[in-house]
Amino acid sequence: MKLPFIKTSKANEAEVSEKIFGEEVNNDLVAQLVKIYIENSHPGTKAQKNRSAVRGGGKKPWRQKGTGRARAGTSRSPIWRGGGVVFPAMSDTSKPKKINKKMYKSGMRSILSSLAKENRIFLADQINIENPKTKDFIDFLNKNDLNEGLFIVDEVSENLNLASRNIPNINVTNFKSLNPVNLLRFNSIVISESCINLIEKELS
C-alpha cells in the first residue's frame, strides 16, 4: 500500500509494508493494549502503611514487666494512635500488568493500520529545523497545513526539541519511544521517511 507525503516533501507517495499499515484492525486487542499501557504508566505508590512501613516505633515504649500496663513492643502497633493499618489498602497498579511481545506488536500494527485507513498518517523527507526557534517550526507546520500532530523521527535533535516543545498539541519523538496512547491521541501522524523501515522491522 502507499502513504502520502506532506506538502513540502519532494515525492507524493511512498510504498509501505501491507503487513504493518494494511493489517486487519483488531479493536479488542487495541483496547487491551491501551488499557495496560495507561495502567502501567501510573506510579502505583498510593497505599496505606502497615506497622513496618510507618516511620518510627523502633524503641520499646516501656519495659516488659513491672509497670502495671499491658505489654508493648512498638508505638506503631495498629491499636496505637499513629500506628500502622492492619490490612492496608494497596494500589492496583503497584504490580505492573504484562503483555507479551507478539500481542504488543500485533496491537501496534492494528493502530497504524487503522490510522492509515483514516488517512491520518503522512510521510516526510526529513523533519529537521536549522535553528532552535519556535517560529521556524510553526512556519514548517503552516506550510504543510498542520496545526497539531505527532512527529516521529530517528533521533530528536536539540534544535527540533527546542523549537517544538512550547507548541501545544505537538509532540516530537523518536521511533523507539512510540506508544499506543500517543498514536491515538493525535489526528495527524508525520513519520520521517527514514523511520519507515525501522518501524517495519521493529513491528514485523
Protein backbone atom coordinates (compact mmCIF):
# COMPACT_ATOMS: atom_id res chain seq x y z
CA MET A 1 0.00 0.00 0.00
CA LYS A 2 1.01 3.65 -0.31
CA LEU A 3 1.12 6.56 2.14
CA PRO A 4 1.08 10.26 1.16
CA PHE A 5 3.87 12.75 1.83
CA ILE A 6 3.38 16.17 3.42
CA LYS A 7 3.29 19.17 1.06
CA THR A 8 6.92 20.27 1.42
CA SER A 9 8.29 16.84 0.52
CA LYS A 10 9.65 16.09 -2.93
CA ALA A 11 7.58 12.95 -3.56
CA ASN A 12 3.80 12.46 -3.42
CA GLU A 13 3.52 8.86 -2.21
CA ALA A 14 5.69 6.01 -1.00
CA GLU A 15 5.17 2.26 -0.87
CA VAL A 16 4.98 0.81 2.65
CA SER A 17 4.51 -2.65 4.11
CA GLU A 18 0.98 -4.01 3.80
CA LYS A 19 1.63 -6.14 6.88
CA ILE A 20 2.31 -3.10 9.08
CA PHE A 21 -0.02 -0.46 7.63
CA GLY A 22 -2.69 -2.60 5.96
CA GLU A 23 -3.45 -5.25 8.55
CA GLU A 24 -6.99 -6.04 9.63
CA VAL A 25 -7.76 -3.96 12.72
CA ASN A 26 -8.29 -5.85 15.99
CA ASN A 27 -10.18 -3.33 18.13
CA ASP A 28 -10.34 -5.59 21.19
CA LEU A 29 -6.57 -6.03 21.20
CA VAL A 30 -6.04 -2.28 20.73
CA ALA A 31 -8.33 -1.54 23.70
CA GLN A 32 -6.45 -4.07 25.83
CA LEU A 33 -3.07 -2.65 24.82
CA VAL A 34 -4.11 0.94 25.59
CA LYS A 35 -5.62 -0.03 28.95
CA ILE A 36 -2.48 -1.89 30.05
CA TYR A 37 -0.20 0.94 28.89
CA ILE A 38 -2.20 3.58 30.82
CA GLU A 39 -2.38 1.47 33.97
CA ASN A 40 1.34 0.71 33.89
CA SER A 41 2.17 4.39 33.44
CA HIS A 42 0.73 5.13 36.89
CA PRO A 43 3.40 5.14 39.62
CA GLY A 44 1.43 2.70 41.80
CA THR A 45 2.64 4.29 45.03
CA LYS A 46 -0.77 5.16 46.51
CA ALA A 47 -1.25 2.88 49.52
CA GLN A 48 -1.86 2.77 53.26
CA LYS A 49 1.03 1.80 55.54
CA ASN A 50 1.30 -1.28 57.71
CA ARG A 51 3.21 -1.24 61.01
CA SER A 52 6.56 -1.90 59.33
CA ALA A 53 6.09 0.95 56.81
CA VAL A 54 5.20 3.64 59.40
CA ARG A 55 8.18 5.74 60.42
CA GLY A 56 9.47 5.32 63.98
CA GLY A 57 8.46 2.82 66.63
CA GLY A 58 11.85 1.11 66.86
CA LYS A 59 12.23 1.60 70.58
CA LYS A 60 10.15 -0.41 73.07
CA PRO A 61 7.83 2.13 74.76
CA TRP A 62 8.41 0.75 78.28
CA ARG A 63 9.91 -2.26 79.98
CA GLN A 64 8.17 -5.59 79.68
CA LYS A 65 7.26 -6.08 83.35
CA GLY A 66 6.63 -4.09 86.49
CA THR A 67 4.74 -1.08 85.14
CA GLY A 68 1.21 -2.45 85.52
CA ARG A 69 0.50 -1.63 81.88
CA ALA A 70 -0.06 -4.01 79.01
CA ARG A 71 2.99 -5.25 77.13
CA ALA A 72 4.00 -3.10 74.18
CA GLY A 73 6.82 -3.70 71.73
CA THR A 74 6.32 -0.69 69.46
CA SER A 75 4.41 2.59 69.41
CA ARG A 76 3.44 1.88 65.80
CA SER A 77 1.13 -1.01 66.62
CA PRO A 78 -2.25 -0.80 64.83
CA ILE A 79 -4.04 -0.28 68.16
CA TRP A 80 -1.97 2.83 68.87
CA ARG A 81 -2.68 6.32 67.58
CA GLY A 82 -0.28 6.95 64.67
CA GLY A 83 0.28 3.26 64.20
CA GLY A 84 0.07 1.20 61.04
CA VAL A 85 -3.02 -0.28 59.42
CA VAL A 86 -3.79 -3.98 59.98
CA PHE A 87 -4.79 -4.78 56.39
CA PRO A 88 -3.60 -1.77 54.37
CA ALA A 89 -5.21 -0.98 51.03
CA MET A 90 -2.70 -1.25 48.19
CA SER A 91 -2.82 0.33 44.74
CA ASP A 92 -3.99 -1.91 41.91
CA THR A 93 -1.18 -0.54 39.76
CA SER A 94 1.59 -1.44 42.21
CA LYS A 95 2.03 -4.67 40.24
CA PRO A 96 2.54 -3.85 36.54
CA LYS A 97 0.49 -5.88 34.08
CA LYS A 98 2.32 -7.61 31.27
CA ILE A 99 1.52 -8.09 27.62
CA ASN A 100 3.65 -10.40 25.50
CA LYS A 101 5.67 -9.12 22.54
CA LYS A 102 3.53 -10.84 19.93
CA MET A 103 0.34 -9.20 21.22
CA TYR A 104 2.08 -5.82 21.59
CA LYS A 105 3.38 -5.84 18.01
CA SER A 106 0.02 -7.00 16.65
CA GLY A 107 -1.76 -4.25 18.60
CA MET A 108 0.62 -1.57 17.32
CA ARG A 109 0.16 -2.83 13.74
CA SER A 110 -3.61 -2.60 14.21
CA ILE A 111 -3.30 1.01 15.39
CA LEU A 112 -1.07 2.00 12.47
CA SER A 113 -3.37 0.21 10.01
CA SER A 114 -6.41 1.99 11.46
CA LEU A 115 -4.68 5.37 11.19
CA ALA A 116 -3.62 4.66 7.61
CA LYS A 117 -7.20 3.76 6.63
CA GLU A 118 -8.40 7.03 8.16
CA ASN A 119 -5.74 8.99 6.18
CA ARG A 120 -4.10 10.25 9.35
CA ILE A 121 -0.53 9.12 8.56
CA PHE A 122 1.82 11.21 6.42
CA LEU A 123 5.45 10.82 5.42
CA ALA A 124 8.17 13.46 5.29
CA ASP A 125 11.55 13.54 3.51
CA GLN A 126 13.05 14.79 6.73
CA ILE A 127 11.86 16.61 9.82
CA ASN A 128 14.61 18.98 10.82
CA ILE A 129 14.98 22.59 11.95
CA GLU A 130 18.14 24.59 11.32
CA ASN A 131 17.60 26.99 14.23
CA PRO A 132 16.13 26.25 17.68
CA LYS A 133 13.29 28.73 17.16
CA THR A 134 9.61 28.06 17.72
CA LYS A 135 8.78 30.42 14.85
CA ASP A 136 10.71 28.22 12.40
CA PHE A 137 8.76 25.12 13.41
CA ILE A 138 5.45 26.99 13.21
CA ASP A 139 6.38 28.06 9.67
CA PHE A 140 7.04 24.40 8.85
CA LEU A 141 3.59 23.48 10.22
CA ASN A 142 1.85 26.24 8.29
CA LYS A 143 3.48 25.27 5.01
CA ASN A 144 2.11 21.75 5.45
CA ASP A 145 -1.35 22.80 6.73
CA LEU A 146 -0.71 21.16 10.11
CA ASN A 147 -1.83 22.66 13.39
CA GLU A 148 -1.21 19.62 15.59
CA GLY A 149 0.34 16.19 15.33
CA LEU A 150 2.84 13.56 16.39
CA PHE A 151 6.19 13.72 14.57
CA ILE A 152 8.27 10.52 14.52
CA VAL A 153 11.97 10.77 13.68
CA ASP A 154 15.13 8.63 14.02
CA GLU A 155 16.60 10.86 16.70
CA VAL A 156 15.20 14.09 18.11
CA SER A 157 17.84 16.78 17.53
CA GLU A 158 18.40 19.54 20.07
CA ASN A 159 17.16 22.20 17.63
CA LEU A 160 13.99 20.24 16.85
CA ASN A 161 13.29 19.63 20.52
CA LEU A 162 13.75 23.30 21.46
CA ALA A 163 11.72 24.58 18.51
CA SER A 164 8.72 22.30 19.11
CA ARG A 165 8.43 21.87 22.87
CA ASN A 166 6.44 25.07 23.53
CA ILE A 167 3.81 24.46 20.84
CA PRO A 168 0.56 22.98 22.16
CA ASN A 169 -0.75 19.74 20.64
CA ILE A 170 2.66 18.97 19.11
CA ASN A 171 4.84 16.05 20.13
CA VAL A 172 8.16 15.10 18.57
CA THR A 173 9.51 11.66 19.44
CA ASN A 174 11.91 9.04 18.14
CA PHE A 175 10.59 5.75 16.80
CA LYS A 176 11.86 3.81 19.84
CA SER A 177 9.53 5.82 22.10
CA LEU A 178 6.36 5.02 20.15
CA ASN A 179 3.41 4.11 22.34
CA PRO A 180 -0.26 3.33 21.61
CA VAL A 181 -1.66 6.31 23.53
CA ASN A 182 0.38 8.89 21.61
CA LEU A 183 -0.51 7.33 18.27
CA LEU A 184 -4.24 7.50 19.03
CA ARG A 185 -4.09 10.90 20.69
CA PHE A 186 -3.19 12.97 17.62
CA ASN A 187 -5.20 13.47 14.44
CA SER A 188 -2.08 13.66 12.28
CA ILE A 189 0.96 11.38 12.44
CA VAL A 190 4.00 12.53 10.44
CA ILE A 191 6.73 9.91 10.05
CA SER A 192 10.20 10.62 8.74
CA GLU A 193 10.83 8.52 5.61
CA SER A 194 13.97 7.05 7.17
CA CYS A 195 11.89 5.75 10.09
CA ILE A 196 9.55 3.63 7.98
CA ASN A 197 12.00 0.74 7.56
CA LEU A 198 12.89 0.91 11.27
CA ILE A 199 9.23 0.75 12.32
CA GLU A 200 8.50 -2.07 9.88
CA LYS A 201 11.49 -4.03 11.20
CA GLU A 202 10.51 -3.40 14.82
CA LEU A 203 6.87 -4.48 14.43
CA SER A 204 7.22 -7.32 11.92
